[in-house]
Amino acid sequence: QVQLVESGGGLVHSGGSLRLSCAASGSIFSSNVMGWYRQAPGKKRELVATITTGGSTNYADSVKGRFTISRDNAKNTVYLQMNSLRPEDTAVYFCFLYYTRNYWGQGTQVTVSS
């Protein structure tokens, strides 16, 4: 079982920044995909960003130019730098690691006030 521990969520005003971190531990294959989903009340789950072990990234259109995903392979840690935050970014953010199946973090609340 892969364990994912997240940190960095909180409350910020519109235009502010947050940096989310997610450290994976357990039986982790050397080649995988890590990333972030978010879930807001009354809205569909949205895939925010992904990054492969090799550093290839993908972003949702809604966050392009504002969010940056990165990872430290030696530490099995993924980060999400969130800048220019908007109220519509308010959601629970879930870290995941994928290799043949998904492993999930516990989620961390991000709230952006207007």
Protein backbone atom coordinates (compact mmCIF):
# COMPACT_ATOMS: atom_id res chain seq x y z
CA GLN A 1 0.00 0.00 0.00
CA VAL A 2 1.30 3.40 -1.01
CA GLN A 3 0.74 6.14 1.53
CA LEU A 4 0.42 9.78 0.46
CA VAL A 5 0.69 12.57 3.00
CA GLU A 6 -0.33 16.05 1.93
CA SER A 7 0.32 19.47 3.37
CA GLY A 8 0.06 23.13 2.46
CA GLY A 9 -3.65 23.78 2.16
CA GLY A 10 -5.25 26.76 3.77
CA LEU A 11 -7.14 30.00 3.34
CA VAL A 12 -5.91 32.78 1.08
CA HIS A 13 -7.36 35.87 -0.53
CA SER A 14 -7.92 36.15 -4.23
CA GLY A 15 -4.61 36.70 -5.98
CA GLY A 16 -2.62 34.92 -3.32
CA SER A 17 -0.47 31.81 -3.50
CA LEU A 18 -0.21 28.41 -1.87
CA ARG A 19 2.20 25.53 -2.28
CA LEU A 20 0.89 22.01 -1.78
CA SER A 21 3.19 19.11 -1.03
CA CYS A 22 2.56 15.38 -1.12
CA ALA A 23 5.07 12.80 0.02
CA ALA A 24 4.62 9.18 -1.03
CA SER A 25 5.93 6.20 0.88
CA GLY A 26 5.64 2.44 0.61
CA SER A 27 6.11 0.14 -2.35
CA ILE A 28 6.63 2.64 -5.15
CA PHE A 29 7.61 1.62 -8.64
CA SER A 30 10.36 3.77 -10.10
CA SER A 31 8.24 4.88 -13.06
CA ASN A 32 4.89 6.43 -12.26
CA VAL A 33 2.60 9.40 -12.60
CA MET A 34 1.81 11.74 -9.75
CA GLY A 35 -0.57 14.62 -9.68
CA TRP A 36 -3.52 16.42 -8.20
CA TYR A 37 -7.28 16.25 -8.47
CA ARG A 38 -9.66 18.72 -6.91
CA GLN A 39 -13.25 18.39 -5.81
CA ALA A 40 -15.51 21.33 -5.09
CA PRO A 41 -19.02 20.99 -3.64
CA GLY A 42 -21.59 20.55 -6.37
CA LYS A 43 -18.95 20.23 -9.08
CA LYS A 44 -17.36 17.32 -10.88
CA ARG A 45 -13.96 16.12 -9.87
CA GLU A 46 -11.32 17.85 -11.97
CA LEU A 47 -7.87 16.62 -12.87
CA VAL A 48 -5.66 19.61 -12.14
CA ALA A 49 -2.18 18.52 -13.13
CA THR A 50 0.00 15.47 -13.65
CA ILE A 51 3.71 14.82 -13.87
CA THR A 52 5.61 11.71 -14.86
CA THR A 53 8.85 10.45 -13.38
CA GLY A 54 10.55 11.88 -16.46
CA GLY A 55 9.08 15.31 -15.85
CA SER A 56 6.39 15.44 -18.52
CA THR A 57 3.50 17.61 -17.30
CA ASN A 58 -0.13 18.23 -18.14
CA TYR A 59 -2.46 20.89 -16.80
CA ALA A 60 -6.14 21.59 -16.84
CA ASP A 61 -6.95 24.61 -18.98
CA SER A 62 -8.40 26.31 -15.92
CA VAL A 63 -5.00 26.43 -14.18
CA LYS A 64 -2.53 26.81 -17.03
CA GLY A 65 -0.21 29.72 -16.48
CA ARG A 66 -1.06 29.91 -12.79
CA PHE A 67 -0.19 26.50 -11.32
CA THR A 68 3.08 24.62 -11.61
CA ILE A 69 3.51 20.96 -10.77
CA SER A 70 6.91 19.54 -9.93
CA ARG A 71 8.38 16.50 -8.25
CA ASP A 72 11.42 15.26 -6.43
CA ASN A 73 11.89 11.66 -7.50
CA ALA A 74 14.45 10.93 -4.80
CA LYS A 75 11.94 11.97 -2.15
CA ASN A 76 8.86 10.62 -3.96
CA THR A 77 7.27 13.99 -3.42
CA VAL A 78 5.06 16.04 -5.70
CA TYR A 79 4.38 19.74 -5.36
CA LEU A 80 1.75 22.10 -6.68
CA GLN A 81 2.64 25.76 -6.69
CA MET A 82 -0.58 27.73 -7.01
CA ASN A 83 -0.35 31.40 -7.90
CA SER A 84 -2.95 34.02 -8.76
CA LEU A 85 -5.55 32.03 -6.91
CA ARG A 86 -9.20 32.65 -7.61
CA PRO A 87 -12.33 31.84 -5.61
CA GLU A 88 -13.20 29.20 -8.19
CA ASP A 89 -10.03 27.35 -7.17
CA THR A 90 -11.65 26.61 -3.83
CA ALA A 91 -11.81 22.84 -3.44
CA VAL A 92 -10.41 19.85 -1.66
CA TYR A 93 -7.20 18.92 -3.42
CA PHE A 94 -6.24 15.26 -3.58
CA CYS A 95 -2.79 14.01 -4.38
CA PHE A 96 -2.44 10.77 -6.30
CA LEU A 97 0.17 8.36 -7.55
CA TYR A 98 -0.58 6.05 -10.45
CA TYR A 99 1.13 2.84 -11.37
CA THR A 100 -1.31 0.19 -12.64
CA ARG A 101 -3.77 1.65 -10.12
CA ASN A 102 -4.40 4.90 -8.30
CA TYR A 103 -3.29 5.67 -4.78
CA TRP A 104 -4.80 8.70 -3.08
CA GLY A 105 -3.97 11.13 -0.37
CA GLN A 106 -6.39 12.27 2.28
CA GLY A 107 -7.13 15.60 0.65
CA THR A 108 -6.33 19.10 1.77
CA GLN A 109 -8.72 22.04 1.76
CA VAL A 110 -7.88 25.11 -0.28
CA THR A 111 -10.16 28.09 0.22
CA VAL A 112 -9.78 31.30 -1.76
CA SER A 113 -11.79 34.24 -0.54
CA SER A 114 -13.01 37.00 -2.82
